[in-house]
Amino acid sequence: MAVGWVAACGAGLAGATQQPEFSFQTNGAGVYRTWITHRTNVSPNPRFGYTNHLAQSNRLPAEVFKKLNERWAREPQFVTNTFSFTNAEFLHLVPESLTHILLTNFISRTNGRTTRIWSRREHPVLWPMAGPLVEWDTRSLVWGMKGMTALSPCWQQEGASGQVPITLLTPRHGYTRGHGMGADGFTKRFNGKKVWFVTRENKVISAKVANAVVRFANGLDYTILFFKDDLPPSIEPIRVVSEAMLRTHYPWPPGSMPVVLLAEQEGNVSVELPGLSRPAHKGGDSGSPNLLPFFDELVFMGGRTTSPPTPRMQEDLDELCRMEGVDPKRYQMQWVDLSKYPAY
């Protein structure tokens, strides 16, 4: 294996690098090799520079110049600084780990697929009086997966197309970012705004906001919209997974490629894999759903730079139900249980 050597910086510096020290580490799901290289930078005797100056300004005879160099070259050089660099090289995933299972399962469905979610997503002239013109891309990486219809193509408060996207968590609750959405707390400012979803048959369904809560304080960053009516069964709420469970059962080894679908405002999902990667951390991507491809299902992990699902979030969903006279027990987030897989 070739080691990337670090070049010395600055004119007149020389350096020496010791051989790397190898070790192997694991976080349970993955194994990787680490090595440390040490570099010492030294500065040559400063009189070398003085000799060069004399040679240029006084035109010293060649034999004098040679003798001065021979003499001063025997004098010690000076150590200016030392560096140590730690590197990591991903080797492989442990076969029985959930990370390995989901990666191999996902790769099996990538042939001939595209990162595009929609083959068409347009606002007609009369939008938002008229709904958007939307069609699924049947070659999409997400096409056919359970939970895909929870992804909203647009809503009235989106700003630029695809920004501040809504993800359906229950038949009456939609998730998006908290920052930039107003003051923390329950709010009526979004009441009457329309949110659109699309069935597998490309039928556009609208939902109207009846209440909302914005959280952008105490480490929270999300907005939950409460809709006036339930979405029909053809629009499936997406299941969720806790951050703690992901960390325990789905760790990502340094240097490996996590199997996560990152939806973004231009209508793609980036997988961070060669050929399937798209810019998904742009301004305006905040709140876009991070999705775990759990076999043939999309599972909501949280929003881009925003909060993951938590029991605290469920409390807000429950309170929105109570405020509108609806039984909260009917509108609980559905949690994916990963406990049967190895924990690390």
C-alpha atoms as a PDB file:
ATOM      1  CA  MET A   1       0.000   0.000   0.000  1.00  0.00           C
ATOM      2  CA  ALA A   2       1.319   3.424  -0.902  1.00  0.00           C
ATOM      3  CA  VAL A   3       1.459   5.964   1.892  1.00  0.00           C
ATOM      4  CA  GLY A   4       0.741   9.594   1.042  1.00  0.00           C
ATOM      5  CA  TRP A   5       3.824  11.504   2.126  1.00  0.00           C
ATOM      6  CA  VAL A   6       3.434  15.081   3.334  1.00  0.00           C
ATOM      7  CA  ALA A   7       5.702  17.543   1.546  1.00  0.00           C
ATOM      8  CA  ALA A   8       7.715  20.067   3.509  1.00  0.00           C
ATOM      9  CA  CYS A   9       6.464  23.632   3.361  1.00  0.00           C
ATOM     10  CA  GLY A  10       8.581  26.730   2.955  1.00  0.00           C
ATOM     11  CA  ALA A  11      11.653  27.491   0.971  1.00  0.00           C
ATOM     12  CA  GLY A  12      14.901  25.975   2.131  1.00  0.00           C
ATOM     13  CA  LEU A  13      13.309  23.259   4.267  1.00  0.00           C
ATOM     14  CA  ALA A  14      14.247  19.630   4.058  1.00  0.00           C
ATOM     15  CA  GLY A  15      12.411  16.751   5.700  1.00  0.00           C
ATOM     16  CA  ALA A  16      12.536  13.137   6.733  1.00  0.00           C
ATOM     17  CA  THR A  17       9.604  10.798   7.292  1.00  0.00           C
ATOM     18  CA  GLN A  18       9.712   7.715   9.480  1.00  0.00           C
ATOM     19  CA  GLN A  19       8.126   4.479   8.350  1.00  0.00           C
ATOM     20  CA  PRO A  20       4.397   4.257   9.228  1.00  0.00           C
ATOM     21  CA  GLU A  21       3.202   2.427  12.329  1.00  0.00           C
ATOM     22  CA  PHE A  22       0.257   0.151  11.400  1.00  0.00           C
ATOM     23  CA  SER A  23      -2.647  -0.987  13.567  1.00  0.00           C
ATOM     24  CA  PHE A  24      -6.152  -2.351  13.012  1.00  0.00           C
ATOM     25  CA  GLN A  25      -9.318  -0.937  14.550  1.00  0.00           C
ATOM     26  CA  THR A  26     -13.029  -1.689  14.425  1.00  0.00           C
ATOM     27  CA  ASN A  27     -16.276  -0.138  15.562  1.00  0.00           C
ATOM     28  CA  GLY A  28     -17.954  -3.536  15.326  1.00  0.00           C
ATOM     29  CA  ALA A  29     -19.544  -3.159  11.906  1.00  0.00           C
ATOM     30  CA  GLY A  30     -16.391  -2.237  10.040  1.00  0.00           C
ATOM     31  CA  VAL A  31     -12.676  -2.927  10.127  1.00  0.00           C
ATOM     32  CA  TYR A  32     -10.081  -0.418   9.057  1.00  0.00           C
ATOM     33  CA  ARG A  33      -6.329  -0.026   9.200  1.00  0.00           C
ATOM     34  CA  THR A  34      -4.702   3.035  10.711  1.00  0.00           C
ATOM     35  CA  TRP A  35      -1.157   4.219  10.493  1.00  0.00           C
ATOM     36  CA  ILE A  36       0.822   7.091  11.912  1.00  0.00           C
ATOM     37  CA  THR A  37       3.617   8.793  10.039  1.00  0.00           C
ATOM     38  CA  HIS A  38       6.078  11.167  11.680  1.00  0.00           C
ATOM     39  CA  ARG A  39       7.764  13.975   9.792  1.00  0.00           C
ATOM     40  CA  THR A  40      10.638  16.151  10.959  1.00  0.00           C
ATOM     41  CA  ASN A  41      11.377  19.375   9.123  1.00  0.00           C
ATOM     42  CA  VAL A  42      14.919  20.687   9.262  1.00  0.00           C
ATOM     43  CA  SER A  43      16.427  23.933   8.076  1.00  0.00           C
ATOM     44  CA  PRO A  44      19.906  23.820   6.526  1.00  0.00           C
ATOM     45  CA  ASN A  45      22.745  25.809   8.003  1.00  0.00           C
ATOM     46  CA  PRO A  46      21.791  29.458   7.363  1.00  0.00           C
ATOM     47  CA  ARG A  47      25.299  30.171   6.052  1.00  0.00           C
ATOM     48  CA  PHE A  48      24.383  28.225   2.904  1.00  0.00           C
ATOM     49  CA  GLY A  49      22.114  31.119   2.029  1.00  0.00           C
ATOM     50  CA  TYR A  50      24.856  33.607   2.874  1.00  0.00           C
ATOM     51  CA  THR A  51      27.242  31.708   0.613  1.00  0.00           C
ATOM     52  CA  ASN A  52      24.774  31.931  -2.265  1.00  0.00           C
ATOM     53  CA  HIS A  53      24.416  35.648  -1.628  1.00  0.00           C
ATOM     54  CA  LEU A  54      28.193  36.145  -1.792  1.00  0.00           C
ATOM     55  CA  ALA A  55      28.412  34.081  -4.929  1.00  0.00           C
ATOM     56  CA  GLN A  56      25.877  36.324  -6.645  1.00  0.00           C
ATOM     57  CA  SER A  57      26.938  39.745  -5.322  1.00  0.00           C
ATOM     58  CA  ASN A  58      30.728  39.427  -5.126  1.00  0.00           C
ATOM     59  CA  ARG A  59      31.202  36.812  -7.826  1.00  0.00           C
ATOM     60  CA  LEU A  60      33.377  34.609  -5.636  1.00  0.00           C
ATOM     61  CA  PRO A  61      35.797  32.386  -7.489  1.00  0.00           C
ATOM     62  CA  ALA A  62      34.382  28.926  -8.018  1.00  0.00           C
ATOM     63  CA  GLU A  63      37.076  27.245  -5.923  1.00  0.00           C
ATOM     64  CA  VAL A  64      36.415  29.568  -2.956  1.00  0.00           C
ATOM     65  CA  PHE A  65      32.665  28.996  -3.237  1.00  0.00           C
ATOM     66  CA  LYS A  66      33.225  25.216  -3.277  1.00  0.00           C
ATOM     67  CA  LYS A  67      35.459  25.244  -0.168  1.00  0.00           C
ATOM     68  CA  LEU A  68      32.975  27.372   1.802  1.00  0.00           C
ATOM     69  CA  ASN A  69      30.168  24.980   0.969  1.00  0.00           C
ATOM     70  CA  GLU A  70      32.236  21.933   1.959  1.00  0.00           C
ATOM     71  CA  ARG A  71      33.136  23.539   5.269  1.00  0.00           C
ATOM     72  CA  TRP A  72      29.647  24.754   6.240  1.00  0.00           C
ATOM     73  CA  ALA A  73      27.949  21.586   5.049  1.00  0.00           C
ATOM     74  CA  ARG A  74      29.709  19.756   7.892  1.00  0.00           C
ATOM     75  CA  GLU A  75      28.045  21.983  10.458  1.00  0.00           C
ATOM     76  CA  PRO A  76      24.738  20.817  11.951  1.00  0.00           C
ATOM     77  CA  GLN A  77      21.326  21.576  10.513  1.00  0.00           C
ATOM     78  CA  PHE A  78      18.494  22.852  12.631  1.00  0.00           C
ATOM     79  CA  VAL A  79      15.233  21.043  13.455  1.00  0.00           C
ATOM     80  CA  THR A  80      12.387  23.502  12.982  1.00  0.00           C
ATOM     81  CA  ASN A  81       9.326  21.347  13.807  1.00  0.00           C
ATOM     82  CA  THR A  82       7.926  17.811  13.806  1.00  0.00           C
ATOM     83  CA  PHE A  83       4.527  16.467  12.756  1.00  0.00           C
ATOM     84  CA  SER A  84       2.565  13.245  13.300  1.00  0.00           C
ATOM     85  CA  PHE A  85      -0.238  12.247  10.944  1.00  0.00           C
ATOM     86  CA  THR A  86      -2.893   9.603  11.588  1.00  0.00           C
ATOM     87  CA  ASN A  87      -4.484   8.008   8.520  1.00  0.00           C
ATOM     88  CA  ALA A  88      -7.299   5.484   8.187  1.00  0.00           C
ATOM     89  CA  GLU A  89      -7.938   2.994   5.390  1.00  0.00           C
ATOM     90  CA  PHE A  90     -11.293   1.212   5.254  1.00  0.00           C
ATOM     91  CA  LEU A  91     -10.852  -2.547   4.748  1.00  0.00           C
ATOM     92  CA  HIS A  92     -14.213  -4.333   4.997  1.00  0.00           C
ATOM     93  CA  LEU A  93     -17.564  -4.642   6.766  1.00  0.00           C
ATOM     94  CA  VAL A  94     -18.402  -7.480   9.131  1.00  0.00           C
ATOM     95  CA  PRO A  95     -20.817  -9.743   7.161  1.00  0.00           C
ATOM     96  CA  GLU A  96     -23.454 -10.165   9.888  1.00  0.00           C
ATOM     97  CA  SER A  97     -23.635  -6.420  10.660  1.00  0.00           C
ATOM     98  CA  LEU A  98     -26.687  -4.411   9.631  1.00  0.00           C
ATOM     99  CA  THR A  99     -24.356  -2.039   7.807  1.00  0.00           C
ATOM    100  CA  HIS A 100     -23.152  -4.869   5.573  1.00  0.00           C
ATOM    101  CA  ILE A 101     -26.653  -6.306   5.081  1.00  0.00           C
ATOM    102  CA  LEU A 102     -28.170  -2.996   3.997  1.00  0.00           C
ATOM    103  CA  LEU A 103     -25.236  -2.077   1.757  1.00  0.00           C
ATOM    104  CA  THR A 104     -25.339  -5.346  -0.176  1.00  0.00           C
ATOM    105  CA  ASN A 105     -29.147  -5.226  -0.361  1.00  0.00           C
ATOM    106  CA  PHE A 106     -29.093  -1.668  -1.664  1.00  0.00           C
ATOM    107  CA  ILE A 107     -26.372  -2.287  -4.257  1.00  0.00           C
ATOM    108  CA  SER A 108     -28.499  -5.075  -5.717  1.00  0.00           C
ATOM    109  CA  ARG A 109     -31.152  -2.529  -6.721  1.00  0.00           C
ATOM    110  CA  THR A 110     -28.928   0.177  -8.247  1.00  0.00           C
ATOM    111  CA  ASN A 111     -28.460  -1.207 -11.783  1.00  0.00           C
ATOM    112  CA  GLY A 112     -30.160   1.018 -14.319  1.00  0.00           C
ATOM    113  CA  ARG A 113     -31.396   3.353 -11.586  1.00  0.00           C
ATOM    114  CA  THR A 114     -31.212   7.134 -11.438  1.00  0.00           C
ATOM    115  CA  THR A 115     -30.921   9.614  -8.585  1.00  0.00           C
ATOM    116  CA  ARG A 116     -33.951  11.544  -9.872  1.00  0.00           C
ATOM    117  CA  ILE A 117     -37.086  11.240  -7.748  1.00  0.00           C
ATOM    118  CA  TRP A 118     -39.458  12.918 -10.210  1.00  0.00           C
ATOM    119  CA  SER A 119     -39.510  12.683 -13.986  1.00  0.00           C
ATOM    120  CA  ARG A 120     -41.649  15.819 -13.889  1.00  0.00           C
ATOM    121  CA  ARG A 121     -42.113  18.448 -11.193  1.00  0.00           C
ATOM    122  CA  GLU A 122     -43.483  21.780 -12.364  1.00  0.00           C
ATOM    123  CA  HIS A 123     -45.610  24.646 -11.126  1.00  0.00           C
ATOM    124  CA  PRO A 124     -48.372  25.479 -13.606  1.00  0.00           C
ATOM    125  CA  VAL A 125     -49.281  29.080 -14.388  1.00  0.00           C
ATOM    126  CA  LEU A 126     -52.155  29.045 -11.885  1.00  0.00           C
ATOM    127  CA  TRP A 127     -50.100  27.522  -9.038  1.00  0.00           C
ATOM    128  CA  PRO A 128     -50.903  27.474  -6.138  1.00  0.00           C
ATOM    129  CA  MET A 129     -54.552  27.804  -7.181  1.00  0.00           C
ATOM    130  CA  ALA A 130     -53.867  24.675  -9.244  1.00  0.00           C
ATOM    131  CA  GLY A 131     -51.710  21.854  -7.956  1.00  0.00           C
ATOM    132  CA  PRO A 132     -48.246  21.013  -9.299  1.00  0.00           C
ATOM    133  CA  LEU A 133     -47.600  18.817 -12.326  1.00  0.00           C
ATOM    134  CA  VAL A 134     -45.705  15.864 -10.853  1.00  0.00           C
ATOM    135  CA  GLU A 135     -44.793  12.347 -11.959  1.00  0.00           C
ATOM    136  CA  TRP A 136     -42.540   9.775 -10.328  1.00  0.00           C
ATOM    137  CA  ASP A 137     -39.435   8.632 -12.160  1.00  0.00           C
ATOM    138  CA  THR A 138     -39.953   4.875 -12.300  1.00  0.00           C
ATOM    139  CA  ARG A 139     -36.178   4.378 -12.627  1.00  0.00           C
ATOM    140  CA  SER A 140     -35.538   6.279  -9.412  1.00  0.00           C
ATOM    141  CA  LEU A 141     -33.597   4.697  -6.568  1.00  0.00           C
ATOM    142  CA  VAL A 142     -36.650   5.255  -4.358  1.00  0.00           C
ATOM    143  CA  TRP A 143     -39.285   4.059  -6.813  1.00  0.00           C
ATOM    144  CA  GLY A 144     -41.470   1.281  -5.443  1.00  0.00           C
ATOM    145  CA  MET A 145     -40.158   1.548  -1.881  1.00  0.00           C
ATOM    146  CA  LYS A 146     -42.611   1.711   0.994  1.00  0.00           C
ATOM    147  CA  GLY A 147     -42.786   5.245   2.380  1.00  0.00           C
ATOM    148  CA  MET A 148     -41.821   7.024  -0.843  1.00  0.00           C
ATOM    149  CA  THR A 149     -45.231   8.723  -1.095  1.00  0.00           C
ATOM    150  CA  ALA A 150     -44.447  10.495   2.204  1.00  0.00           C
ATOM    151  CA  LEU A 151     -42.124  12.772   0.224  1.00  0.00           C
ATOM    152  CA  SER A 152     -43.902  15.956  -0.781  1.00  0.00           C
ATOM    153  CA  PRO A 153     -42.844  17.520  -4.110  1.00  0.00           C
ATOM    154  CA  CYS A 154     -43.829  21.039  -2.986  1.00  0.00           C
ATOM    155  CA  TRP A 155     -45.938  23.276  -0.766  1.00  0.00           C
ATOM    156  CA  GLN A 156     -46.932  26.936  -0.641  1.00  0.00           C
ATOM    157  CA  GLN A 157     -44.282  27.981   1.879  1.00  0.00           C
ATOM    158  CA  GLU A 158     -41.341  26.423   0.054  1.00  0.00           C
ATOM    159  CA  GLY A 159     -39.674  29.566  -1.289  1.00  0.00           C
ATOM    160  CA  ALA A 160     -37.501  28.331  -4.145  1.00  0.00           C
ATOM    161  CA  SER A 161     -38.712  25.088  -5.709  1.00  0.00           C
ATOM    162  CA  GLY A 162     -37.982  22.086  -3.508  1.00  0.00           C
ATOM    163  CA  GLN A 163     -36.836  24.044  -0.462  1.00  0.00           C
ATOM    164  CA  VAL A 164     -38.286  23.535   3.038  1.00  0.00           C
ATOM    165  CA  PRO A 165     -39.696  20.128   1.949  1.00  0.00           C
ATOM    166  CA  ILE A 166     -42.398  18.313   3.898  1.00  0.00           C
ATOM    167  CA  THR A 167     -42.117  14.651   4.932  1.00  0.00           C
ATOM    168  CA  LEU A 168     -45.270  12.893   6.162  1.00  0.00           C
ATOM    169  CA  LEU A 169     -44.779  11.271   9.585  1.00  0.00           C
ATOM    170  CA  THR A 170     -48.424  10.363  10.328  1.00  0.00           C
ATOM    171  CA  PRO A 171     -51.602  10.724   8.261  1.00  0.00           C
ATOM    172  CA  ARG A 172     -51.916  14.297   9.634  1.00  0.00           C
ATOM    173  CA  HIS A 173     -48.392  15.433  10.525  1.00  0.00           C
ATOM    174  CA  GLY A 174     -45.677  16.750   8.220  1.00  0.00           C
ATOM    175  CA  TYR A 175     -42.049  17.474   9.145  1.00  0.00           C
ATOM    176  CA  THR A 176     -39.679  20.172   7.922  1.00  0.00           C
ATOM    177  CA  ARG A 177     -36.901  22.381   9.274  1.00  0.00           C
ATOM    178  CA  GLY A 178     -37.312  24.685  12.268  1.00  0.00           C
ATOM    179  CA  HIS A 179     -34.829  27.455  11.509  1.00  0.00           C
ATOM    180  CA  GLY A 180     -36.146  30.275   9.372  1.00  0.00           C
ATOM    181  CA  MET A 181     -39.754  29.296  10.137  1.00  0.00           C
ATOM    182  CA  GLY A 182     -40.536  31.893  12.783  1.00  0.00           C
ATOM    183  CA  ALA A 183     -40.493  32.041  16.564  1.00  0.00           C
ATOM    184  CA  ASP A 184     -40.312  28.879  18.650  1.00  0.00           C
ATOM    185  CA  GLY A 185     -43.722  27.599  19.710  1.00  0.00           C
ATOM    186  CA  PHE A 186     -47.187  26.797  18.391  1.00  0.00           C
ATOM    187  CA  THR A 187     -48.275  29.002  15.530  1.00  0.00           C
ATOM    188  CA  LYS A 188     -51.144  29.670  13.134  1.00  0.00           C
ATOM    189  CA  ARG A 189     -48.971  31.423  10.545  1.00  0.00           C
ATOM    190  CA  PHE A 190     -49.091  28.461   8.131  1.00  0.00           C
ATOM    191  CA  ASN A 191     -52.821  27.855   8.457  1.00  0.00           C
ATOM    192  CA  GLY A 192     -54.522  27.379   5.105  1.00  0.00           C
ATOM    193  CA  LYS A 193     -51.267  26.659   3.253  1.00  0.00           C
ATOM    194  CA  LYS A 194     -51.442  23.704   0.880  1.00  0.00           C
ATOM    195  CA  VAL A 195     -49.023  20.777   0.835  1.00  0.00           C
ATOM    196  CA  TRP A 196     -49.061  18.330  -2.072  1.00  0.00           C
ATOM    197  CA  PHE A 197     -48.256  14.617  -2.172  1.00  0.00           C
ATOM    198  CA  VAL A 198     -48.297  12.106  -5.049  1.00  0.00           C
ATOM    199  CA  THR A 199     -49.703   8.574  -5.128  1.00  0.00           C
ATOM    200  CA  ARG A 200     -47.868   5.746  -6.870  1.00  0.00           C
ATOM    201  CA  GLU A 201     -50.296   6.251  -9.761  1.00  0.00           C
ATOM    202  CA  ASN A 202     -49.190   9.919 -10.066  1.00  0.00           C
ATOM    203  CA  LYS A 203     -52.402  11.320  -8.628  1.00  0.00           C
ATOM    204  CA  VAL A 204     -51.662  14.612  -6.863  1.00  0.00           C
ATOM    205  CA  ILE A 205     -53.255  14.908  -3.393  1.00  0.00           C
ATOM    206  CA  SER A 206     -53.419  18.165  -1.441  1.00  0.00           C
ATOM    207  CA  ALA A 207     -53.487  18.676   2.311  1.00  0.00           C
ATOM    208  CA  LYS A 208     -54.293  21.939   4.087  1.00  0.00           C
ATOM    209  CA  VAL A 209     -52.447  23.085   7.217  1.00  0.00           C
ATOM    210  CA  ALA A 210     -54.645  23.618  10.294  1.00  0.00           C
ATOM    211  CA  ASN A 211     -51.963  24.226  12.937  1.00  0.00           C
ATOM    212  CA  ALA A 212     -48.204  23.978  13.436  1.00  0.00           C
ATOM    213  CA  VAL A 213     -45.392  24.070  15.937  1.00  0.00           C
ATOM    214  CA  VAL A 214     -41.903  25.469  15.314  1.00  0.00           C
ATOM    215  CA  ARG A 215     -38.973  24.295  17.394  1.00  0.00           C
ATOM    216  CA  PHE A 216     -35.720  26.193  17.115  1.00  0.00           C
ATOM    217  CA  ALA A 217     -34.429  26.412  20.670  1.00  0.00           C
ATOM    218  CA  ASN A 218     -32.747  24.186  23.256  1.00  0.00           C
ATOM    219  CA  GLY A 219     -30.977  22.173  20.564  1.00  0.00           C
ATOM    220  CA  LEU A 220     -34.170  21.427  18.600  1.00  0.00           C
ATOM    221  CA  ASP A 221     -34.658  22.261  14.931  1.00  0.00           C
ATOM    222  CA  TYR A 222     -37.915  21.191  13.297  1.00  0.00           C
ATOM    223  CA  THR A 223     -41.411  22.300  12.339  1.00  0.00           C
ATOM    224  CA  ILE A 224     -44.435  19.996  12.527  1.00  0.00           C
ATOM    225  CA  LEU A 225     -47.476  20.833  10.412  1.00  0.00           C
ATOM    226  CA  PHE A 226     -50.892  19.495  11.424  1.00  0.00           C
ATOM    227  CA  PHE A 227     -53.270  18.943   8.522  1.00  0.00           C
ATOM    228  CA  LYS A 228     -56.987  19.632   8.555  1.00  0.00           C
ATOM    229  CA  ASP A 229     -57.794  16.093   7.388  1.00  0.00           C
ATOM    230  CA  ASP A 230     -56.085  12.702   7.169  1.00  0.00           C
ATOM    231  CA  LEU A 231     -54.196  11.932   3.997  1.00  0.00           C
ATOM    232  CA  PRO A 232     -55.738   8.946   2.158  1.00  0.00           C
ATOM    233  CA  PRO A 233     -54.171   5.465   2.482  1.00  0.00           C
ATOM    234  CA  SER A 234     -52.584   5.929  -0.958  1.00  0.00           C
ATOM    235  CA  ILE A 235     -50.194   8.384   0.723  1.00  0.00           C
ATOM    236  CA  GLU A 236     -48.160   6.326   3.196  1.00  0.00           C
ATOM    237  CA  PRO A 237     -46.613   7.996   6.256  1.00  0.00           C
ATOM    238  CA  ILE A 238     -42.953   7.113   6.582  1.00  0.00           C
ATOM    239  CA  ARG A 239     -41.657   5.079   9.522  1.00  0.00           C
ATOM    240  CA  VAL A 240     -38.916   6.566  11.684  1.00  0.00           C
ATOM    241  CA  VAL A 241     -35.834   5.383  13.541  1.00  0.00           C
ATOM    242  CA  SER A 242     -34.164   6.865  16.598  1.00  0.00           C
ATOM    243  CA  GLU A 243     -30.674   8.312  16.435  1.00  0.00           C
ATOM    244  CA  ALA A 244     -29.585   6.242  19.454  1.00  0.00           C
ATOM    245  CA  MET A 245     -30.642   2.991  17.769  1.00  0.00           C
ATOM    246  CA  LEU A 246     -28.833   3.936  14.577  1.00  0.00           C
ATOM    247  CA  ARG A 247     -25.624   4.633  16.461  1.00  0.00           C
ATOM    248  CA  THR A 248     -25.861   1.297  18.261  1.00  0.00           C
ATOM    249  CA  HIS A 249     -26.813  -0.986  15.376  1.00  0.00           C
ATOM    250  CA  TYR A 250     -25.748   0.935  12.267  1.00  0.00           C
ATOM    251  CA  PRO A 251     -22.335   2.528  12.921  1.00  0.00           C
ATOM    252  CA  TRP A 252     -20.389   3.951  10.002  1.00  0.00           C
ATOM    253  CA  PRO A 253     -16.693   3.058  10.018  1.00  0.00           C
ATOM    254  CA  PRO A 254     -14.373   5.957   9.184  1.00  0.00           C
ATOM    255  CA  GLY A 255     -13.519   5.781   5.509  1.00  0.00           C
ATOM    256  CA  SER A 256     -16.550   3.651   4.607  1.00  0.00           C
ATOM    257  CA  MET A 257     -19.570   4.811   2.632  1.00  0.00           C
ATOM    258  CA  PRO A 258     -22.814   4.961   4.645  1.00  0.00           C
ATOM    259  CA  VAL A 259     -25.926   3.668   2.900  1.00  0.00           C
ATOM    260  CA  VAL A 260     -28.162   6.708   3.296  1.00  0.00           C
ATOM    261  CA  LEU A 261     -30.374   8.447   0.742  1.00  0.00           C
ATOM    262  CA  LEU A 262     -30.164  12.222   1.008  1.00  0.00           C
ATOM    263  CA  ALA A 263     -33.076  13.937  -0.722  1.00  0.00           C
ATOM    264  CA  GLU A 264     -32.302  17.438  -1.958  1.00  0.00           C
ATOM    265  CA  GLN A 265     -34.167  20.448  -3.315  1.00  0.00           C
ATOM    266  CA  GLU A 266     -33.554  19.769  -7.013  1.00  0.00           C
ATOM    267  CA  GLY A 267     -35.452  16.477  -6.835  1.00  0.00           C
ATOM    268  CA  ASN A 268     -32.644  13.932  -6.411  1.00  0.00           C
ATOM    269  CA  VAL A 269     -31.464  11.517  -3.761  1.00  0.00           C
ATOM    270  CA  SER A 270     -27.730  11.365  -3.210  1.00  0.00           C
ATOM    271  CA  VAL A 271     -26.279   8.093  -1.941  1.00  0.00           C
ATOM    272  CA  GLU A 272     -22.703   9.355  -1.521  1.00  0.00           C
ATOM    273  CA  LEU A 273     -21.550   6.458  -3.705  1.00  0.00           C
ATOM    274  CA  PRO A 274     -19.595   6.837  -6.964  1.00  0.00           C
ATOM    275  CA  GLY A 275     -21.995   7.595  -9.796  1.00  0.00           C
ATOM    276  CA  LEU A 276     -24.942   8.082  -7.428  1.00  0.00           C
ATOM    277  CA  SER A 277     -23.809  11.223  -5.636  1.00  0.00           C
ATOM    278  CA  ARG A 278     -25.394  14.663  -6.003  1.00  0.00           C
ATOM    279  CA  PRO A 279     -24.801  17.907  -4.082  1.00  0.00           C
ATOM    280  CA  ALA A 280     -27.073  17.503  -1.074  1.00  0.00           C
ATOM    281  CA  HIS A 281     -25.672  20.036   1.391  1.00  0.00           C
ATOM    282  CA  LYS A 282     -26.465  23.251  -0.449  1.00  0.00           C
ATOM    283  CA  GLY A 283     -28.122  26.293   1.042  1.00  0.00           C
ATOM    284  CA  GLY A 284     -31.818  25.483   1.046  1.00  0.00           C
ATOM    285  CA  ASP A 285     -31.359  21.727   1.569  1.00  0.00           C
ATOM    286  CA  SER A 286     -31.961  22.069   5.320  1.00  0.00           C
ATOM    287  CA  GLY A 287     -34.819  19.878   6.482  1.00  0.00           C
ATOM    288  CA  SER A 288     -34.629  17.629   3.417  1.00  0.00           C
ATOM    289  CA  PRO A 289     -35.147  14.055   4.612  1.00  0.00           C
ATOM    290  CA  ASN A 290     -32.256  11.722   5.362  1.00  0.00           C
ATOM    291  CA  LEU A 291     -33.554   8.274   4.483  1.00  0.00           C
ATOM    292  CA  LEU A 292     -32.379   4.822   5.504  1.00  0.00           C
ATOM    293  CA  PRO A 293     -32.976   2.269   2.710  1.00  0.00           C
ATOM    294  CA  PHE A 294     -34.189  -0.485   5.022  1.00  0.00           C
ATOM    295  CA  PHE A 295     -34.558  -3.367   2.562  1.00  0.00           C
ATOM    296  CA  ASP A 296     -37.606  -2.321   0.428  1.00  0.00           C
ATOM    297  CA  GLU A 297     -38.606   0.550   2.698  1.00  0.00           C
ATOM    298  CA  LEU A 298     -37.541   4.144   3.245  1.00  0.00           C
ATOM    299  CA  VAL A 299     -37.123   5.044   6.913  1.00  0.00           C
ATOM    300  CA  PHE A 300     -36.893   8.643   8.147  1.00  0.00           C
ATOM    301  CA  MET A 301     -33.710   9.394  10.110  1.00  0.00           C
ATOM    302  CA  GLY A 302     -34.140  13.174  10.426  1.00  0.00           C
ATOM    303  CA  GLY A 303     -33.671  16.233   8.254  1.00  0.00           C
ATOM    304  CA  ARG A 304     -30.513  17.649   6.702  1.00  0.00           C
ATOM    305  CA  THR A 305     -28.845  19.535   9.569  1.00  0.00           C
ATOM    306  CA  THR A 306     -32.133  19.335  11.514  1.00  0.00           C
ATOM    307  CA  SER A 307     -33.513  17.217  14.346  1.00  0.00           C
ATOM    308  CA  PRO A 308     -34.073  13.443  14.215  1.00  0.00           C
ATOM    309  CA  PRO A 309     -37.351  11.952  15.481  1.00  0.00           C
ATOM    310  CA  THR A 310     -37.542  11.737  19.270  1.00  0.00           C
ATOM    311  CA  PRO A 311     -40.143  11.161  22.002  1.00  0.00           C
ATOM    312  CA  ARG A 312     -39.993  14.942  22.540  1.00  0.00           C
ATOM    313  CA  MET A 313     -41.131  15.420  18.936  1.00  0.00           C
ATOM    314  CA  GLN A 314     -43.994  12.982  19.516  1.00  0.00           C
ATOM    315  CA  GLU A 315     -45.126  15.154  22.426  1.00  0.00           C
ATOM    316  CA  ASP A 316     -45.543  18.039  19.983  1.00  0.00           C
ATOM    317  CA  LEU A 317     -47.479  15.815  17.586  1.00  0.00           C
ATOM    318  CA  ASP A 318     -49.750  14.808  20.473  1.00  0.00           C
ATOM    319  CA  GLU A 319     -50.323  18.389  21.581  1.00  0.00           C
ATOM    320  CA  LEU A 320     -51.243  19.480  18.067  1.00  0.00           C
ATOM    321  CA  CYS A 321     -53.848  16.702  18.037  1.00  0.00           C
ATOM    322  CA  ARG A 322     -55.284  17.793  21.374  1.00  0.00           C
ATOM    323  CA  MET A 323     -55.433  21.427  20.272  1.00  0.00           C
ATOM    324  CA  GLU A 324     -57.554  20.377  17.292  1.00  0.00           C
ATOM    325  CA  GLY A 325     -59.744  17.964  19.264  1.00  0.00           C
ATOM    326  CA  VAL A 326     -58.214  14.804  17.784  1.00  0.00           C
ATOM    327  CA  ASP A 327     -57.204  11.649  19.661  1.00  0.00           C
ATOM    328  CA  PRO A 328     -53.342  11.582  19.720  1.00  0.00           C
ATOM    329  CA  LYS A 329     -53.295   7.772  19.945  1.00  0.00           C
ATOM    330  CA  ARG A 330     -54.331   7.612  16.299  1.00  0.00           C
ATOM    331  CA  TYR A 331     -51.325   9.667  15.190  1.00  0.00           C
ATOM    332  CA  GLN A 332     -48.192   8.124  16.609  1.00  0.00           C
ATOM    333  CA  MET A 333     -44.933   7.938  14.697  1.00  0.00           C
ATOM    334  CA  GLN A 334     -44.152   4.341  13.780  1.00  0.00           C
ATOM    335  CA  TRP A 335     -40.687   3.353  15.019  1.00  0.00           C
ATOM    336  CA  VAL A 336     -38.446   0.829  13.290  1.00  0.00           C
ATOM    337  CA  ASP A 337     -36.874  -1.609  15.752  1.00  0.00           C
ATOM    338  CA  LEU A 338     -33.288  -2.607  14.917  1.00  0.00           C
ATOM    339  CA  SER A 339     -32.655  -4.462  18.174  1.00  0.00           C
ATOM    340  CA  LYS A 340     -32.503  -7.915  16.527  1.00  0.00           C
ATOM    341  CA  TYR A 341     -29.348  -6.884  14.695  1.00  0.00           C
ATOM    342  CA  PRO A 342     -25.883  -6.898  16.339  1.00  0.00           C
ATOM    343  CA  ALA A 343     -25.196  -3.957  18.616  1.00  0.00           C
ATOM    344  CA  TYR A 344     -21.780  -2.289  18.813  1.00  0.00           C
END
